[in-house]
């Protein structure tokens, strides 16, 4: 379903017969309780608009710490022939993830190589955080994550 969402977003002509809106995101997110950050980032504006009742939690990590994690978990595997060969053998799960991530990165980040992703990762991450702050009203935005912080709009317990 992530691939269908990406096609609808990045190839709008395909969205005409196959729209991807709140009903489809409800189904997708119900099945995938946690969204892959690397995919989720491309859909933030659509999701913020589709779910006006939710609180948006914006977690910003130290960019160097985040990048090290992103590089070892995403970049290293996405462009490494061994994980890609394994993904190609598991067509029902790993291949779908790999194919979707490559499609989203190519369309959203406009990258095609490992070097391009390495160069664009930090600026895109910073732009993403700025975009979330601009798109989300202060009443809906929770900066950082602390389980003891009050969620905007809720009364103190």
Protein backbone atom coordinates (compact mmCIF):
# COMPACT_ATOMS: atom_id res chain seq x y z
CA UNK A 1 0.00 0.00 0.00
CA UNK A 2 2.92 2.37 0.57
CA UNK A 3 3.83 1.90 -3.08
CA UNK A 4 0.25 2.69 -4.13
CA UNK A 5 0.35 5.83 -1.98
CA UNK A 6 3.66 6.85 -3.57
CA UNK A 7 2.33 6.29 -7.07
CA UNK A 8 -0.76 8.40 -6.31
CA UNK A 9 1.41 11.19 -4.89
CA UNK A 10 4.24 11.25 -7.41
CA UNK A 11 2.42 10.10 -10.53
CA UNK A 12 -0.87 12.05 -10.23
CA UNK A 13 -2.29 10.62 -13.45
CA UNK A 14 -2.45 7.26 -11.65
CA UNK A 15 -4.36 8.84 -8.74
CA UNK A 16 -7.36 9.65 -10.97
CA UNK A 17 -8.62 6.06 -11.13
CA UNK A 18 -6.89 5.11 -7.85
CA UNK A 19 -7.16 7.99 -5.37
CA UNK A 20 -5.24 7.65 -2.12
CA UNK A 21 -6.90 9.60 0.66
CA UNK A 22 -7.87 9.25 4.30
CA UNK A 23 -9.74 5.96 3.83
CA UNK A 24 -6.69 4.40 2.21
CA UNK A 25 -4.32 5.84 4.83
CA UNK A 26 -6.64 4.51 7.56
CA UNK A 27 -6.26 1.04 6.10
CA UNK A 28 -2.51 1.40 5.55
CA UNK A 29 -1.74 2.79 8.99
CA UNK A 30 -4.00 0.28 10.74
CA UNK A 31 -1.92 -2.51 9.23
CA UNK A 32 1.38 -0.67 9.72
CA UNK A 33 1.10 0.70 13.26
CA UNK A 34 4.44 2.43 12.86
CA UNK A 35 5.33 4.08 9.60
CA UNK A 36 8.85 3.95 8.26
CA UNK A 37 10.24 7.42 8.81
CA UNK A 38 12.03 7.30 5.48
CA UNK A 39 8.71 6.80 3.68
CA UNK A 40 6.52 8.79 6.02
CA UNK A 41 8.46 12.00 5.40
CA UNK A 42 7.16 12.25 1.82
CA UNK A 43 3.52 12.14 2.98
CA UNK A 44 3.58 14.54 5.93
CA UNK A 45 1.62 17.39 4.27
CA UNK A 46 -1.09 14.98 3.06
CA UNK A 47 -1.35 13.27 6.44
CA UNK A 48 -1.48 16.51 8.44
CA UNK A 49 -4.36 17.64 6.25
CA UNK A 50 -6.11 14.25 6.21
CA UNK A 51 -6.06 13.91 10.01
CA UNK A 52 -6.94 17.35 11.44
CA UNK A 53 -7.76 15.84 14.85
CA UNK A 54 -4.35 14.31 15.58
CA UNK A 55 -1.44 15.69 17.53
CA UNK A 56 1.75 15.81 15.50
CA UNK A 57 4.83 14.78 17.47
CA UNK A 58 7.97 16.30 15.99
CA UNK A 59 11.09 14.62 17.28
CA UNK A 60 14.35 16.25 16.27
CA UNK A 61 17.53 14.38 16.99
CA UNK A 62 21.03 15.70 16.73
CA UNK A 63 21.57 15.75 12.97
CA UNK A 64 24.91 13.92 13.13
CA UNK A 65 23.51 11.17 15.39
CA UNK A 66 20.44 10.86 13.16
CA UNK A 67 22.53 10.74 9.99
CA UNK A 68 24.79 8.00 11.33
CA UNK A 69 21.71 5.89 12.08
CA UNK A 70 20.07 6.70 8.72
CA UNK A 71 23.27 5.92 6.83
CA UNK A 72 23.79 2.54 8.50
CA UNK A 73 20.14 1.45 8.48
CA UNK A 74 18.83 2.86 5.20
CA UNK A 75 21.56 4.04 2.84
CA UNK A 76 23.92 1.13 3.47
CA UNK A 77 21.18 -1.43 2.80
CA UNK A 78 19.43 0.34 -0.04
CA UNK A 79 22.56 0.46 -2.17
CA UNK A 80 24.28 -2.71 -1.03
CA UNK A 81 23.98 -5.61 -3.49
CA UNK A 82 23.75 -8.26 -0.75
CA UNK A 83 20.63 -6.88 1.03
CA UNK A 84 19.17 -6.10 -2.40
CA UNK A 85 19.70 -9.70 -3.53
CA UNK A 86 18.02 -10.93 -0.34
CA UNK A 87 15.16 -8.46 -0.91
CA UNK A 88 14.74 -9.77 -4.44
CA UNK A 89 14.30 -13.30 -3.05
CA UNK A 90 11.58 -12.18 -0.62
CA UNK A 91 9.15 -10.69 -3.13
CA UNK A 92 6.26 -10.46 -0.66
CA UNK A 93 7.97 -8.34 2.01
CA UNK A 94 11.57 -7.14 1.68
CA UNK A 95 11.33 -6.51 -2.06
CA UNK A 96 8.19 -4.40 -1.54
CA UNK A 97 9.93 -2.26 1.08
CA UNK A 98 13.05 -1.83 -1.05
CA UNK A 99 11.08 -1.02 -4.21
CA UNK A 100 8.90 1.52 -2.39
CA UNK A 101 11.81 3.25 -0.68
CA UNK A 102 13.74 3.54 -3.95
CA UNK A 103 10.66 4.93 -5.70
CA UNK A 104 9.99 7.49 -2.96
CA UNK A 105 13.63 8.55 -2.73
CA UNK A 106 13.88 8.91 -6.49
CA UNK A 107 10.69 11.00 -6.74
CA UNK A 108 10.69 12.91 -3.43
CA UNK A 109 14.40 13.48 -3.01
CA UNK A 110 15.26 13.33 -6.70
CA UNK A 111 18.13 10.94 -6.13
CA UNK A 112 19.33 7.89 -7.95
CA UNK A 113 22.65 7.08 -6.36
CA UNK A 114 24.07 6.41 -2.94
CA UNK A 115 26.20 9.56 -3.13
CA UNK A 116 23.19 11.73 -3.99
CA UNK A 117 21.26 10.36 -1.01
CA UNK A 118 24.24 10.90 1.29
CA UNK A 119 24.51 14.53 0.10
CA UNK A 120 20.80 15.32 0.39
CA UNK A 121 19.88 13.47 3.59
CA UNK A 122 20.77 16.17 6.14
CA UNK A 123 19.34 19.16 4.23
CA UNK A 124 16.13 17.23 3.53
CA UNK A 125 15.82 16.25 7.19
CA UNK A 126 16.16 19.88 8.27
CA UNK A 127 13.66 20.99 5.62
CA UNK A 128 11.24 18.31 6.80
CA UNK A 129 11.31 19.57 10.39
CA UNK A 130 10.76 23.16 9.21
CA UNK A 131 7.88 22.04 7.00
CA UNK A 132 6.16 20.19 9.85
CA UNK A 133 6.36 23.32 12.02
CA UNK A 134 4.91 25.45 9.21
CA UNK A 135 2.09 23.05 8.33
CA UNK A 136 0.98 22.24 11.87
CA UNK A 137 -0.89 24.66 14.09
CA UNK A 138 0.72 25.19 17.51
CA UNK A 139 -2.35 23.58 19.12
CA UNK A 140 -1.59 20.32 17.33
CA UNK A 141 2.21 20.32 17.51
CA UNK A 142 4.17 18.60 20.23
CA UNK A 143 7.89 19.33 19.91
CA UNK A 144 9.93 16.44 21.16
CA UNK A 145 8.73 13.42 23.01
CA UNK A 146 8.35 13.26 26.74
CA UNK A 147 5.63 11.00 28.12
CA UNK A 148 5.09 13.47 30.97
CA UNK A 149 4.40 16.45 28.72
CA UNK A 150 0.82 17.49 28.33
CA UNK A 151 -0.58 16.83 24.86
CA UNK A 152 -1.91 20.03 23.27
CA UNK A 153 -5.66 20.36 23.75
CA UNK A 154 -5.88 17.91 26.66
CA UNK A 155 -6.57 18.83 30.27
CA UNK A 156 -3.96 18.10 32.93
CA UNK A 157 -4.60 14.72 34.62
